[in-house]
C-alpha cells in the first residue's frame, strides 16, 4: 500500500497531482472538477481550456485553504 507523507509547505501541496474529472456538457464545453478538493470546479469550451482552468482553480483552492489554516486533503 502506498503511503504519502503529509506536505509541510504550500509549494509541496501545489506539486501534488490531484486527479481531475471531466464532464462533457450537452450544449458544448466541459465542466471539470477535482473531487478530492471539495468545491474545486471549473469549466472550459475545449478540453485544453478546461484542464488549464482547473489547474488555476486548484492553485486558488490550495492557496486559500493554506492561508485560512484549513485541512487540505491528499489526492487519492
N, C-alpha and C. Protein backbone atom coordinates (compact mmCIF):
# COMPACT_ATOMS: atom_id res chain seq x y z
N UNK A 1 0.83 -1.19 0.00
CA UNK A 1 0.00 0.00 0.00
C UNK A 1 0.87 1.25 0.00
N UNK A 2 0.55 2.19 -0.86
CA UNK A 2 1.32 3.42 -0.99
C UNK A 2 0.91 4.41 0.11
N UNK A 3 1.90 4.92 0.83
CA UNK A 3 1.63 5.89 1.88
C UNK A 3 2.27 7.22 1.49
N UNK A 4 1.47 8.28 1.59
CA UNK A 4 2.00 9.60 1.29
C UNK A 4 2.35 10.32 2.58
N UNK A 5 3.43 11.07 2.55
CA UNK A 5 3.81 11.91 3.66
C UNK A 5 3.07 13.23 3.51
N UNK A 6 2.53 13.73 4.61
CA UNK A 6 1.80 14.99 4.56
C UNK A 6 2.76 16.13 4.22
N UNK A 7 2.44 16.90 3.18
CA UNK A 7 3.30 18.03 2.81
C UNK A 7 3.42 19.03 3.96
N UNK A 8 4.56 19.71 4.00
CA UNK A 8 4.80 20.68 5.06
C UNK A 8 4.74 22.11 4.58
N UNK A 9 4.74 22.32 3.26
CA UNK A 9 4.70 23.69 2.73
C UNK A 9 3.62 23.78 1.65
N UNK A 10 3.20 25.01 1.37
CA UNK A 10 2.24 25.23 0.30
C UNK A 10 2.81 24.75 -1.03
N UNK A 11 4.07 25.00 -1.27
CA UNK A 11 4.71 24.57 -2.52
C UNK A 11 4.61 23.05 -2.69
N UNK A 12 4.76 22.30 -1.61
CA UNK A 12 4.65 20.84 -1.70
C UNK A 12 3.22 20.42 -2.04
N UNK A 13 2.23 21.11 -1.48
CA UNK A 13 0.83 20.82 -1.85
C UNK A 13 0.59 21.15 -3.31
N UNK A 14 1.12 22.26 -3.77
CA UNK A 14 0.92 22.67 -5.17
C UNK A 14 1.55 21.67 -6.14
N UNK A 15 2.57 20.96 -5.70
CA UNK A 15 3.24 19.97 -6.55
C UNK A 15 2.49 18.63 -6.62
N UNK A 16 1.53 18.42 -5.71
CA UNK A 16 0.79 17.16 -5.72
C UNK A 16 -0.08 17.07 -6.97
N UNK A 17 -0.25 15.86 -7.46
CA UNK A 17 -1.08 15.64 -8.64
C UNK A 17 -2.44 15.12 -8.17
N UNK A 18 -3.44 15.96 -8.33
CA UNK A 18 -4.81 15.60 -7.98
C UNK A 18 -5.53 15.15 -9.24
N UNK A 19 -6.21 13.99 -9.20
CA UNK A 19 -6.97 13.55 -10.38
C UNK A 19 -8.10 14.53 -10.68
N UNK A 20 -8.36 14.72 -11.97
CA UNK A 20 -9.47 15.57 -12.38
C UNK A 20 -10.53 14.73 -13.07
N UNK A 21 -11.76 15.20 -13.00
CA UNK A 21 -12.88 14.54 -13.67
C UNK A 21 -13.50 15.53 -14.63
N UNK A 22 -13.64 15.12 -15.88
CA UNK A 22 -14.23 15.97 -16.92
C UNK A 22 -15.65 15.52 -17.21
N UNK A 23 -16.55 16.47 -17.31
CA UNK A 23 -17.95 16.19 -17.64
C UNK A 23 -18.31 16.97 -18.90
N UNK A 24 -18.53 16.29 -20.03
CA UNK A 24 -18.96 17.00 -21.24
C UNK A 24 -20.35 17.60 -21.02
N UNK A 25 -20.55 18.81 -21.48
CA UNK A 25 -21.84 19.48 -21.36
C UNK A 25 -22.65 19.29 -22.63
N UNK A 26 -23.96 19.18 -22.50
CA UNK A 26 -24.86 18.95 -23.63
C UNK A 26 -24.72 20.05 -24.68
N UNK A 27 -24.59 21.29 -24.23
CA UNK A 27 -24.51 22.43 -25.15
C UNK A 27 -23.08 22.71 -25.63
N UNK A 28 -22.14 21.84 -25.27
CA UNK A 28 -20.74 22.03 -25.65
C UNK A 28 -19.92 22.47 -24.45
N UNK A 29 -18.65 22.26 -24.57
CA UNK A 29 -17.75 22.61 -23.48
C UNK A 29 -17.71 21.52 -22.41
N UNK A 30 -17.00 21.80 -21.35
CA UNK A 30 -16.77 20.82 -20.29
C UNK A 30 -16.82 21.49 -18.93
N UNK A 31 -17.35 20.76 -17.97
CA UNK A 31 -17.19 21.10 -16.57
C UNK A 31 -16.12 20.15 -16.05
N UNK A 32 -15.27 20.65 -15.20
CA UNK A 32 -14.16 19.84 -14.69
C UNK A 32 -14.07 20.05 -13.18
N UNK A 33 -13.73 18.97 -12.48
CA UNK A 33 -13.67 19.02 -11.02
C UNK A 33 -12.48 18.25 -10.49
N UNK A 34 -12.00 18.69 -9.34
CA UNK A 34 -11.05 17.91 -8.55
C UNK A 34 -11.84 17.44 -7.34
N UNK A 35 -12.29 16.20 -7.38
CA UNK A 35 -13.19 15.66 -6.36
C UNK A 35 -12.52 15.67 -4.98
N UNK A 36 -11.22 15.48 -4.93
CA UNK A 36 -10.51 15.45 -3.64
C UNK A 36 -10.49 16.81 -2.95
N UNK A 37 -10.75 17.89 -3.70
CA UNK A 37 -10.78 19.24 -3.14
C UNK A 37 -12.21 19.75 -3.25
N UNK A 38 -13.02 19.57 -2.22
CA UNK A 38 -14.44 19.90 -2.29
C UNK A 38 -14.70 21.33 -2.81
N UNK A 39 -15.55 21.41 -3.82
CA UNK A 39 -15.91 22.70 -4.40
C UNK A 39 -14.94 23.20 -5.44
N UNK A 40 -13.90 22.45 -5.74
CA UNK A 40 -12.92 22.87 -6.74
C UNK A 40 -13.43 22.48 -8.12
N UNK A 41 -14.09 23.44 -8.78
CA UNK A 41 -14.72 23.23 -10.08
C UNK A 41 -14.31 24.32 -11.04
N UNK A 42 -14.39 24.00 -12.32
CA UNK A 42 -14.18 25.00 -13.35
C UNK A 42 -14.86 24.50 -14.62
N UNK A 43 -14.65 25.23 -15.70
CA UNK A 43 -15.21 24.82 -16.98
C UNK A 43 -14.37 25.38 -18.10
N UNK A 44 -14.63 24.91 -19.30
CA UNK A 44 -13.93 25.41 -20.48
C UNK A 44 -14.64 24.97 -21.73
N UNK A 45 -14.46 25.72 -22.79
CA UNK A 45 -15.09 25.39 -24.07
C UNK A 45 -14.41 24.19 -24.74
N UNK A 46 -13.10 24.01 -24.50
CA UNK A 46 -12.35 22.89 -25.06
C UNK A 46 -11.73 22.10 -23.91
N UNK A 47 -11.29 20.88 -24.21
CA UNK A 47 -10.60 20.09 -23.19
C UNK A 47 -9.39 20.83 -22.65
N UNK A 48 -8.61 21.41 -23.56
CA UNK A 48 -7.39 22.13 -23.16
C UNK A 48 -7.73 23.30 -22.22
N UNK A 49 -8.76 24.07 -22.58
CA UNK A 49 -9.16 25.20 -21.75
C UNK A 49 -9.67 24.72 -20.38
N UNK A 50 -10.44 23.64 -20.38
CA UNK A 50 -10.97 23.11 -19.13
C UNK A 50 -9.84 22.65 -18.21
N UNK A 51 -8.86 21.97 -18.76
CA UNK A 51 -7.73 21.48 -17.95
C UNK A 51 -6.90 22.65 -17.43
N UNK A 52 -6.67 23.64 -18.27
CA UNK A 52 -5.93 24.84 -17.82
C UNK A 52 -6.69 25.54 -16.70
N UNK A 53 -8.00 25.68 -16.87
CA UNK A 53 -8.81 26.38 -15.87
C UNK A 53 -8.86 25.64 -14.55
N UNK A 54 -8.92 24.30 -14.58
CA UNK A 54 -8.99 23.57 -13.31
C UNK A 54 -7.64 23.63 -12.59
N UNK A 55 -6.55 23.72 -13.33
CA UNK A 55 -5.25 23.87 -12.68
C UNK A 55 -5.17 25.21 -11.96
N UNK A 56 -5.73 26.26 -12.57
CA UNK A 56 -5.77 27.57 -11.92
C UNK A 56 -6.67 27.53 -10.69
N UNK A 57 -7.80 26.82 -10.80
CA UNK A 57 -8.72 26.69 -9.67
C UNK A 57 -8.06 25.90 -8.53
N UNK A 58 -7.29 24.88 -8.88
CA UNK A 58 -6.57 24.08 -7.87
C UNK A 58 -5.60 24.97 -7.09
N UNK A 59 -4.86 25.80 -7.79
CA UNK A 59 -3.91 26.69 -7.12
C UNK A 59 -4.65 27.63 -6.17
N UNK A 60 -5.73 28.24 -6.65
CA UNK A 60 -6.50 29.17 -5.81
C UNK A 60 -7.10 28.44 -4.60
N UNK A 61 -7.62 27.22 -4.81
CA UNK A 61 -8.20 26.44 -3.72
C UNK A 61 -7.15 26.15 -2.66
N UNK A 62 -5.99 25.66 -3.09
CA UNK A 62 -4.94 25.30 -2.15
C UNK A 62 -4.38 26.52 -1.43
N UNK A 63 -4.16 27.62 -2.15
CA UNK A 63 -3.65 28.84 -1.51
C UNK A 63 -4.63 29.36 -0.46
N UNK A 64 -5.92 29.35 -0.78
CA UNK A 64 -6.93 29.83 0.16
C UNK A 64 -6.99 28.93 1.39
N UNK A 65 -7.02 27.62 1.19
CA UNK A 65 -7.06 26.69 2.31
C UNK A 65 -5.83 26.85 3.20
N UNK A 66 -4.66 27.00 2.57
CA UNK A 66 -3.41 27.16 3.31
C UNK A 66 -3.45 28.45 4.15
N UNK A 67 -3.86 29.55 3.54
CA UNK A 67 -3.90 30.84 4.23
C UNK A 67 -4.90 30.83 5.39
N UNK A 68 -6.00 30.07 5.24
CA UNK A 68 -7.04 30.01 6.28
C UNK A 68 -6.75 28.95 7.33
N UNK A 69 -5.72 28.16 7.13
CA UNK A 69 -5.38 27.11 8.07
C UNK A 69 -6.31 25.92 8.00
N UNK A 70 -7.02 25.78 6.87
CA UNK A 70 -7.94 24.66 6.69
C UNK A 70 -7.17 23.37 6.41
N UNK A 71 -7.81 22.26 6.71
CA UNK A 71 -7.25 20.96 6.40
C UNK A 71 -7.26 20.76 4.89
N UNK A 72 -6.16 20.27 4.35
CA UNK A 72 -6.05 20.04 2.92
C UNK A 72 -5.93 18.53 2.69
N UNK A 73 -6.92 17.97 1.98
CA UNK A 73 -6.85 16.52 1.74
C UNK A 73 -5.75 16.17 0.75
N UNK A 74 -5.19 14.99 0.91
CA UNK A 74 -4.22 14.48 -0.04
C UNK A 74 -4.98 13.85 -1.21
N UNK A 75 -4.37 13.81 -2.40
CA UNK A 75 -5.04 13.15 -3.51
C UNK A 75 -5.16 11.65 -3.27
N UNK A 76 -6.25 11.09 -3.75
CA UNK A 76 -6.45 9.64 -3.59
C UNK A 76 -5.93 8.93 -4.82
